């Protein structure tokens, strides 16, 4: 098996991990708290994006527009998770940054030259990832300031979100260079991202399982 075969096989582990997490999330949905329901929704959107990217790559040989769409949805989803459920304060400056980031991604979508890969100069994924990192760092320091915070049980989830999106930021900063780079170097560089992504999905799956099996089942009717 060649190195490129390994990368190809690796890409199929991502939807498999997502399917596992979604299956558990749907099975345990009534037992999940609101935060883990959002995590389940995130896995659903991630799987849909993964499948659409494969379809677009096959039909159009270009699926980069989906990166922008996913970036916008991802940013909005994590903004809801943090501002409504995790953060105890509103942090208006951070909220304004998120709004500006969402507007910027929307502007890029409207101005994207869809079929011009060499001219692809998107920074939406970088903006999205950076803002999620800022949200998670804010929650981290909020927990440190309030040791008896009722939201400490989200600390581990937040720590993994912070680690994954910080690593993703390192990968997506040179995205424009890597897309247009003709050498095989980009393939060696990108192999770390799917591995980290699969590990992230599996962690979220574990968190869904733990949350759904430790909370009391809601009464029916």
C-alpha atoms as a PDB file:
ATOM      1  CA  UNK A   1       0.000   0.000   0.000  1.00  0.00           C
ATOM      2  CA  UNK A   2       1.401   3.359  -1.049  1.00  0.00           C
ATOM      3  CA  UNK A   3       1.359   6.551   0.988  1.00  0.00           C
ATOM      4  CA  UNK A   4      -1.441   7.952  -1.186  1.00  0.00           C
ATOM      5  CA  UNK A   5      -3.502   4.785  -0.692  1.00  0.00           C
ATOM      6  CA  UNK A   6      -3.102   5.267   3.054  1.00  0.00           C
ATOM      7  CA  UNK A   7      -4.366   8.860   2.822  1.00  0.00           C
ATOM      8  CA  UNK A   8      -7.304   7.692   0.697  1.00  0.00           C
ATOM      9  CA  UNK A   9      -8.271   4.984   3.190  1.00  0.00           C
ATOM     10  CA  UNK A  10      -7.843   7.432   6.047  1.00  0.00           C
ATOM     11  CA  UNK A  11     -10.497   9.729   4.602  1.00  0.00           C
ATOM     12  CA  UNK A  12     -13.104   6.963   4.955  1.00  0.00           C
ATOM     13  CA  UNK A  13     -12.544   6.732   8.714  1.00  0.00           C
ATOM     14  CA  UNK A  14     -13.932  10.234   9.193  1.00  0.00           C
ATOM     15  CA  UNK A  15     -17.525   9.485   8.042  1.00  0.00           C
ATOM     16  CA  UNK A  16     -17.369   6.198   9.937  1.00  0.00           C
ATOM     17  CA  UNK A  17     -16.512   8.055  13.158  1.00  0.00           C
ATOM     18  CA  UNK A  18     -19.246  10.589  12.421  1.00  0.00           C
ATOM     19  CA  UNK A  19     -21.841   7.886  11.826  1.00  0.00           C
ATOM     20  CA  UNK A  20     -20.951   6.287  15.147  1.00  0.00           C
ATOM     21  CA  UNK A  21     -21.314   9.583  16.994  1.00  0.00           C
ATOM     22  CA  UNK A  22     -24.575  10.489  15.234  1.00  0.00           C
ATOM     23  CA  UNK A  23     -26.061   7.053  15.926  1.00  0.00           C
ATOM     24  CA  UNK A  24     -25.290   7.357  19.625  1.00  0.00           C
ATOM     25  CA  UNK A  25     -26.496  10.954  19.686  1.00  0.00           C
ATOM     26  CA  UNK A  26     -29.843  10.080  18.125  1.00  0.00           C
ATOM     27  CA  UNK A  27     -30.264   7.031  20.338  1.00  0.00           C
ATOM     28  CA  UNK A  28     -29.536   8.989  23.505  1.00  0.00           C
ATOM     29  CA  UNK A  29     -30.960  12.301  22.316  1.00  0.00           C
ATOM     30  CA  UNK A  30     -33.690  12.605  24.975  1.00  0.00           C
ATOM     31  CA  UNK A  31     -31.115  12.065  27.717  1.00  0.00           C
ATOM     32  CA  UNK A  32     -28.571  14.581  26.431  1.00  0.00           C
ATOM     33  CA  UNK A  33     -28.218  18.069  27.830  1.00  0.00           C
ATOM     34  CA  UNK A  34     -28.531  21.009  25.438  1.00  0.00           C
ATOM     35  CA  UNK A  35     -24.761  21.297  24.924  1.00  0.00           C
ATOM     36  CA  UNK A  36     -24.414  17.691  23.788  1.00  0.00           C
ATOM     37  CA  UNK A  37     -27.482  18.013  21.577  1.00  0.00           C
ATOM     38  CA  UNK A  38     -25.601  20.797  19.796  1.00  0.00           C
ATOM     39  CA  UNK A  39     -22.542  18.520  19.607  1.00  0.00           C
ATOM     40  CA  UNK A  40     -24.731  15.872  17.957  1.00  0.00           C
ATOM     41  CA  UNK A  41     -26.032  18.451  15.484  1.00  0.00           C
ATOM     42  CA  UNK A  42     -22.427  19.440  14.758  1.00  0.00           C
ATOM     43  CA  UNK A  43     -21.604  15.823  13.889  1.00  0.00           C
ATOM     44  CA  UNK A  44     -24.638  15.641  11.583  1.00  0.00           C
ATOM     45  CA  UNK A  45     -23.571  18.806   9.749  1.00  0.00           C
ATOM     46  CA  UNK A  46     -19.988  17.541   9.549  1.00  0.00           C
ATOM     47  CA  UNK A  47     -21.124  14.279   7.964  1.00  0.00           C
ATOM     48  CA  UNK A  48     -23.359  16.071   5.452  1.00  0.00           C
ATOM     49  CA  UNK A  49     -20.461  18.360   4.536  1.00  0.00           C
ATOM     50  CA  UNK A  50     -18.082  15.413   4.196  1.00  0.00           C
ATOM     51  CA  UNK A  51     -20.420  13.596   1.822  1.00  0.00           C
ATOM     52  CA  UNK A  52     -21.169  16.734  -0.213  1.00  0.00           C
ATOM     53  CA  UNK A  53     -17.460  17.496  -0.562  1.00  0.00           C
ATOM     54  CA  UNK A  54     -16.900  14.031  -2.012  1.00  0.00           C
ATOM     55  CA  UNK A  55     -19.824  14.529  -4.397  1.00  0.00           C
ATOM     56  CA  UNK A  56     -18.633  17.986  -5.508  1.00  0.00           C
ATOM     57  CA  UNK A  57     -15.103  16.695  -6.001  1.00  0.00           C
ATOM     58  CA  UNK A  58     -16.467  13.940  -8.254  1.00  0.00           C
ATOM     59  CA  UNK A  59     -18.890  16.115 -10.243  1.00  0.00           C
ATOM     60  CA  UNK A  60     -17.003  19.418 -10.449  1.00  0.00           C
ATOM     61  CA  UNK A  61     -13.451  18.587  -9.368  1.00  0.00           C
ATOM     62  CA  UNK A  62     -13.835  21.503  -6.934  1.00  0.00           C
ATOM     63  CA  UNK A  63     -15.383  21.408  -3.479  1.00  0.00           C
ATOM     64  CA  UNK A  64     -13.746  24.471  -1.950  1.00  0.00           C
ATOM     65  CA  UNK A  65     -17.006  26.419  -1.739  1.00  0.00           C
ATOM     66  CA  UNK A  66     -18.171  23.918   0.862  1.00  0.00           C
ATOM     67  CA  UNK A  67     -15.290  24.917   3.123  1.00  0.00           C
ATOM     68  CA  UNK A  68     -16.761  28.410   3.301  1.00  0.00           C
ATOM     69  CA  UNK A  69     -20.306  27.171   3.906  1.00  0.00           C
ATOM     70  CA  UNK A  70     -19.165  24.790   6.615  1.00  0.00           C
ATOM     71  CA  UNK A  71     -17.020  27.509   8.189  1.00  0.00           C
ATOM     72  CA  UNK A  72     -20.046  29.791   8.524  1.00  0.00           C
ATOM     73  CA  UNK A  73     -22.279  27.073   9.997  1.00  0.00           C
ATOM     74  CA  UNK A  74     -19.526  25.876  12.321  1.00  0.00           C
ATOM     75  CA  UNK A  75     -18.876  29.387  13.632  1.00  0.00           C
ATOM     76  CA  UNK A  76     -22.576  30.043  14.277  1.00  0.00           C
ATOM     77  CA  UNK A  77     -23.033  26.664  15.952  1.00  0.00           C
ATOM     78  CA  UNK A  78     -20.130  27.118  18.346  1.00  0.00           C
ATOM     79  CA  UNK A  79     -21.222  30.691  19.026  1.00  0.00           C
ATOM     80  CA  UNK A  80     -24.598  29.348  20.167  1.00  0.00           C
ATOM     81  CA  UNK A  81     -22.881  26.654  22.243  1.00  0.00           C
ATOM     82  CA  UNK A  82     -20.650  29.116  24.074  1.00  0.00           C
ATOM     83  CA  UNK A  83     -22.818  32.218  24.382  1.00  0.00           C
ATOM     84  CA  UNK A  84     -26.017  30.396  25.349  1.00  0.00           C
ATOM     85  CA  UNK A  85     -24.758  27.399  27.311  1.00  0.00           C
ATOM     86  CA  UNK A  86     -21.126  27.610  28.392  1.00  0.00           C
ATOM     87  CA  UNK A  87     -20.152  31.211  29.048  1.00  0.00           C
ATOM     88  CA  UNK A  88     -21.703  32.891  32.084  1.00  0.00           C
ATOM     89  CA  UNK A  89     -21.074  36.419  30.770  1.00  0.00           C
ATOM     90  CA  UNK A  90     -21.992  37.890  27.391  1.00  0.00           C
ATOM     91  CA  UNK A  91     -18.614  39.425  26.406  1.00  0.00           C
ATOM     92  CA  UNK A  92     -19.929  42.001  23.881  1.00  0.00           C
ATOM     93  CA  UNK A  93     -16.513  42.499  22.241  1.00  0.00           C
ATOM     94  CA  UNK A  94     -16.232  38.770  21.540  1.00  0.00           C
ATOM     95  CA  UNK A  95     -19.812  38.702  20.251  1.00  0.00           C
ATOM     96  CA  UNK A  96     -19.035  41.596  17.890  1.00  0.00           C
ATOM     97  CA  UNK A  97     -15.969  39.714  16.606  1.00  0.00           C
ATOM     98  CA  UNK A  98     -18.113  36.654  15.925  1.00  0.00           C
ATOM     99  CA  UNK A  99     -20.663  38.768  14.034  1.00  0.00           C
ATOM    100  CA  UNK A 100     -17.893  40.409  11.992  1.00  0.00           C
ATOM    101  CA  UNK A 101     -16.401  36.982  11.296  1.00  0.00           C
ATOM    102  CA  UNK A 102     -19.753  35.623  10.115  1.00  0.00           C
ATOM    103  CA  UNK A 103     -20.293  38.648   7.869  1.00  0.00           C
ATOM    104  CA  UNK A 104     -16.790  38.227   6.427  1.00  0.00           C
ATOM    105  CA  UNK A 105     -17.439  34.568   5.606  1.00  0.00           C
ATOM    106  CA  UNK A 106     -20.754  35.536   4.013  1.00  0.00           C
ATOM    107  CA  UNK A 107     -18.964  38.190   1.945  1.00  0.00           C
ATOM    108  CA  UNK A 108     -16.419  35.632   0.768  1.00  0.00           C
ATOM    109  CA  UNK A 109     -19.217  33.278  -0.239  1.00  0.00           C
ATOM    110  CA  UNK A 110     -20.829  35.978  -2.351  1.00  0.00           C
ATOM    111  CA  UNK A 111     -17.533  36.823  -4.030  1.00  0.00           C
ATOM    112  CA  UNK A 112     -16.078  33.336  -4.463  1.00  0.00           C
ATOM    113  CA  UNK A 113     -14.905  32.467  -7.977  1.00  0.00           C
ATOM    114  CA  UNK A 114     -16.201  28.945  -7.743  1.00  0.00           C
ATOM    115  CA  UNK A 115     -14.374  27.379 -10.657  1.00  0.00           C
ATOM    116  CA  UNK A 116     -11.072  29.216 -10.279  1.00  0.00           C
ATOM    117  CA  UNK A 117      -8.957  27.115  -7.926  1.00  0.00           C
ATOM    118  CA  UNK A 118      -5.640  28.949  -8.631  1.00  0.00           C
ATOM    119  CA  UNK A 119      -7.291  32.205  -7.530  1.00  0.00           C
ATOM    120  CA  UNK A 120      -8.719  30.689  -4.334  1.00  0.00           C
ATOM    121  CA  UNK A 121      -7.703  33.084  -1.553  1.00  0.00           C
ATOM    122  CA  UNK A 122     -10.208  32.255   1.187  1.00  0.00           C
ATOM    123  CA  UNK A 123      -9.499  33.075   4.820  1.00  0.00           C
ATOM    124  CA  UNK A 124     -12.923  32.019   6.092  1.00  0.00           C
ATOM    125  CA  UNK A 125     -11.760  28.777   7.694  1.00  0.00           C
ATOM    126  CA  UNK A 126      -8.946  30.649   9.434  1.00  0.00           C
ATOM    127  CA  UNK A 127     -11.420  33.241  10.747  1.00  0.00           C
ATOM    128  CA  UNK A 128     -13.865  30.555  11.873  1.00  0.00           C
ATOM    129  CA  UNK A 129     -11.174  28.498  13.613  1.00  0.00           C
ATOM    130  CA  UNK A 130      -9.572  31.508  15.286  1.00  0.00           C
ATOM    131  CA  UNK A 131     -12.896  32.697  16.700  1.00  0.00           C
ATOM    132  CA  UNK A 132     -13.718  29.245  18.086  1.00  0.00           C
ATOM    133  CA  UNK A 133     -10.287  29.249  19.743  1.00  0.00           C
ATOM    134  CA  UNK A 134     -11.073  32.654  21.290  1.00  0.00           C
ATOM    135  CA  UNK A 135     -14.412  31.360  22.561  1.00  0.00           C
ATOM    136  CA  UNK A 136     -12.804  28.329  24.170  1.00  0.00           C
ATOM    137  CA  UNK A 137      -9.982  30.386  25.714  1.00  0.00           C
ATOM    138  CA  UNK A 138     -12.570  32.773  27.186  1.00  0.00           C
ATOM    139  CA  UNK A 139     -14.419  29.848  28.774  1.00  0.00           C
ATOM    140  CA  UNK A 140     -11.123  28.442  30.059  1.00  0.00           C
ATOM    141  CA  UNK A 141     -10.224  31.634  31.899  1.00  0.00           C
ATOM    142  CA  UNK A 142     -13.779  32.048  33.129  1.00  0.00           C
ATOM    143  CA  UNK A 143     -13.551  28.623  34.785  1.00  0.00           C
ATOM    144  CA  UNK A 144     -10.206  29.499  36.357  1.00  0.00           C
ATOM    145  CA  UNK A 145     -11.676  32.668  37.863  1.00  0.00           C
ATOM    146  CA  UNK A 146     -14.673  30.805  39.266  1.00  0.00           C
ATOM    147  CA  UNK A 147     -13.568  27.494  40.718  1.00  0.00           C
ATOM    148  CA  UNK A 148     -17.110  26.702  41.875  1.00  0.00           C
ATOM    149  CA  UNK A 149     -18.728  27.472  38.541  1.00  0.00           C
ATOM    150  CA  UNK A 150     -21.677  25.221  37.695  1.00  0.00           C
ATOM    151  CA  UNK A 151     -20.175  24.761  34.229  1.00  0.00           C
ATOM    152  CA  UNK A 152     -16.916  23.127  35.290  1.00  0.00           C
ATOM    153  CA  UNK A 153     -18.187  19.800  33.956  1.00  0.00           C
ATOM    154  CA  UNK A 154     -17.724  21.244  30.448  1.00  0.00           C
ATOM    155  CA  UNK A 155     -14.038  21.912  31.113  1.00  0.00           C
ATOM    156  CA  UNK A 156     -12.778  18.722  29.437  1.00  0.00           C
ATOM    157  CA  UNK A 157     -15.006  19.239  26.391  1.00  0.00           C
ATOM    158  CA  UNK A 158     -13.771  22.803  26.088  1.00  0.00           C
ATOM    159  CA  UNK A 159     -10.128  21.728  26.499  1.00  0.00           C
ATOM    160  CA  UNK A 160     -10.399  19.300  23.566  1.00  0.00           C
ATOM    161  CA  UNK A 161     -12.225  21.897  21.446  1.00  0.00           C
ATOM    162  CA  UNK A 162      -9.415  24.343  22.204  1.00  0.00           C
ATOM    163  CA  UNK A 163      -6.721  21.789  21.347  1.00  0.00           C
ATOM    164  CA  UNK A 164      -8.344  20.636  18.111  1.00  0.00           C
ATOM    165  CA  UNK A 165      -9.137  24.087  16.746  1.00  0.00           C
ATOM    166  CA  UNK A 166      -5.702  25.412  17.729  1.00  0.00           C
ATOM    167  CA  UNK A 167      -4.140  22.563  15.756  1.00  0.00           C
ATOM    168  CA  UNK A 168      -6.552  23.185  12.875  1.00  0.00           C
ATOM    169  CA  UNK A 169      -5.528  26.841  12.838  1.00  0.00           C
ATOM    170  CA  UNK A 170      -1.923  25.774  12.236  1.00  0.00           C
ATOM    171  CA  UNK A 171      -3.048  23.698   9.266  1.00  0.00           C
ATOM    172  CA  UNK A 172      -5.422  26.235   7.735  1.00  0.00           C
ATOM    173  CA  UNK A 173      -3.161  29.286   7.953  1.00  0.00           C
ATOM    174  CA  UNK A 174      -1.179  28.165   4.865  1.00  0.00           C
ATOM    175  CA  UNK A 175      -4.265  26.791   3.055  1.00  0.00           C
ATOM    176  CA  UNK A 176      -3.913  29.048   0.017  1.00  0.00           C
ATOM    177  CA  UNK A 177      -0.283  28.035  -0.451  1.00  0.00           C
ATOM    178  CA  UNK A 178      -1.073  24.336  -0.071  1.00  0.00           C
ATOM    179  CA  UNK A 179      -3.973  24.381  -2.534  1.00  0.00           C
ATOM    180  CA  UNK A 180      -1.824  25.885  -5.269  1.00  0.00           C
ATOM    181  CA  UNK A 181       1.380  24.048  -4.353  1.00  0.00           C
ATOM    182  CA  UNK A 182       2.323  21.536  -7.086  1.00  0.00           C
ATOM    183  CA  UNK A 183       4.764  19.416  -5.086  1.00  0.00           C
ATOM    184  CA  UNK A 184       3.873  16.349  -3.018  1.00  0.00           C
ATOM    185  CA  UNK A 185       4.805  18.195   0.181  1.00  0.00           C
ATOM    186  CA  UNK A 186       1.221  19.293   0.754  1.00  0.00           C
ATOM    187  CA  UNK A 187       0.059  15.683   1.057  1.00  0.00           C
ATOM    188  CA  UNK A 188       2.537  14.970   3.844  1.00  0.00           C
ATOM    189  CA  UNK A 189       1.513  18.195   5.554  1.00  0.00           C
ATOM    190  CA  UNK A 190      -2.205  17.485   5.358  1.00  0.00           C
ATOM    191  CA  UNK A 191      -2.057  13.949   6.771  1.00  0.00           C
ATOM    192  CA  UNK A 192      -2.019  15.310  10.323  1.00  0.00           C
ATOM    193  CA  UNK A 193      -5.364  17.074   9.910  1.00  0.00           C
ATOM    194  CA  UNK A 194      -7.552  14.010   9.124  1.00  0.00           C
ATOM    195  CA  UNK A 195      -5.916  12.096  11.971  1.00  0.00           C
ATOM    196  CA  UNK A 196      -6.660  14.945  14.394  1.00  0.00           C
ATOM    197  CA  UNK A 197     -10.188  15.297  12.993  1.00  0.00           C
ATOM    198  CA  UNK A 198     -10.984  11.610  13.448  1.00  0.00           C
ATOM    199  CA  UNK A 199      -9.647  11.723  17.009  1.00  0.00           C
ATOM    200  CA  UNK A 200     -11.809  14.808  17.659  1.00  0.00           C
ATOM    201  CA  UNK A 201     -14.951  13.105  16.338  1.00  0.00           C
ATOM    202  CA  UNK A 202     -14.266  10.029  18.456  1.00  0.00           C
ATOM    203  CA  UNK A 203     -13.823  12.196  21.549  1.00  0.00           C
ATOM    204  CA  UNK A 204     -17.138  13.954  20.875  1.00  0.00           C
ATOM    205  CA  UNK A 205     -18.738  10.529  20.443  1.00  0.00           C
ATOM    206  CA  UNK A 206     -17.355   9.491  23.823  1.00  0.00           C
ATOM    207  CA  UNK A 207     -18.684  12.671  25.421  1.00  0.00           C
ATOM    208  CA  UNK A 208     -22.143  12.037  23.922  1.00  0.00           C
ATOM    209  CA  UNK A 209     -22.084   8.497  25.290  1.00  0.00           C
ATOM    210  CA  UNK A 210     -21.008   9.596  28.771  1.00  0.00           C
ATOM    211  CA  UNK A 211     -23.528  12.436  28.907  1.00  0.00           C
ATOM    212  CA  UNK A 212     -26.402  10.304  27.650  1.00  0.00           C
ATOM    213  CA  UNK A 213     -25.720   7.351  29.938  1.00  0.00           C
ATOM    214  CA  UNK A 214     -25.069   9.300  33.148  1.00  0.00           C
ATOM    215  CA  UNK A 215     -28.041  11.704  32.996  1.00  0.00           C
ATOM    216  CA  UNK A 216     -31.446  10.581  34.191  1.00  0.00           C
ATOM    217  CA  UNK A 217     -33.821   9.682  31.418  1.00  0.00           C
ATOM    218  CA  UNK A 218     -36.497  12.296  30.780  1.00  0.00           C
ATOM    219  CA  UNK A 219     -40.075  11.156  31.456  1.00  0.00           C
ATOM    220  CA  UNK A 220     -42.156  10.499  28.345  1.00  0.00           C
ATOM    221  CA  UNK A 221     -45.469  12.118  27.613  1.00  0.00           C
END
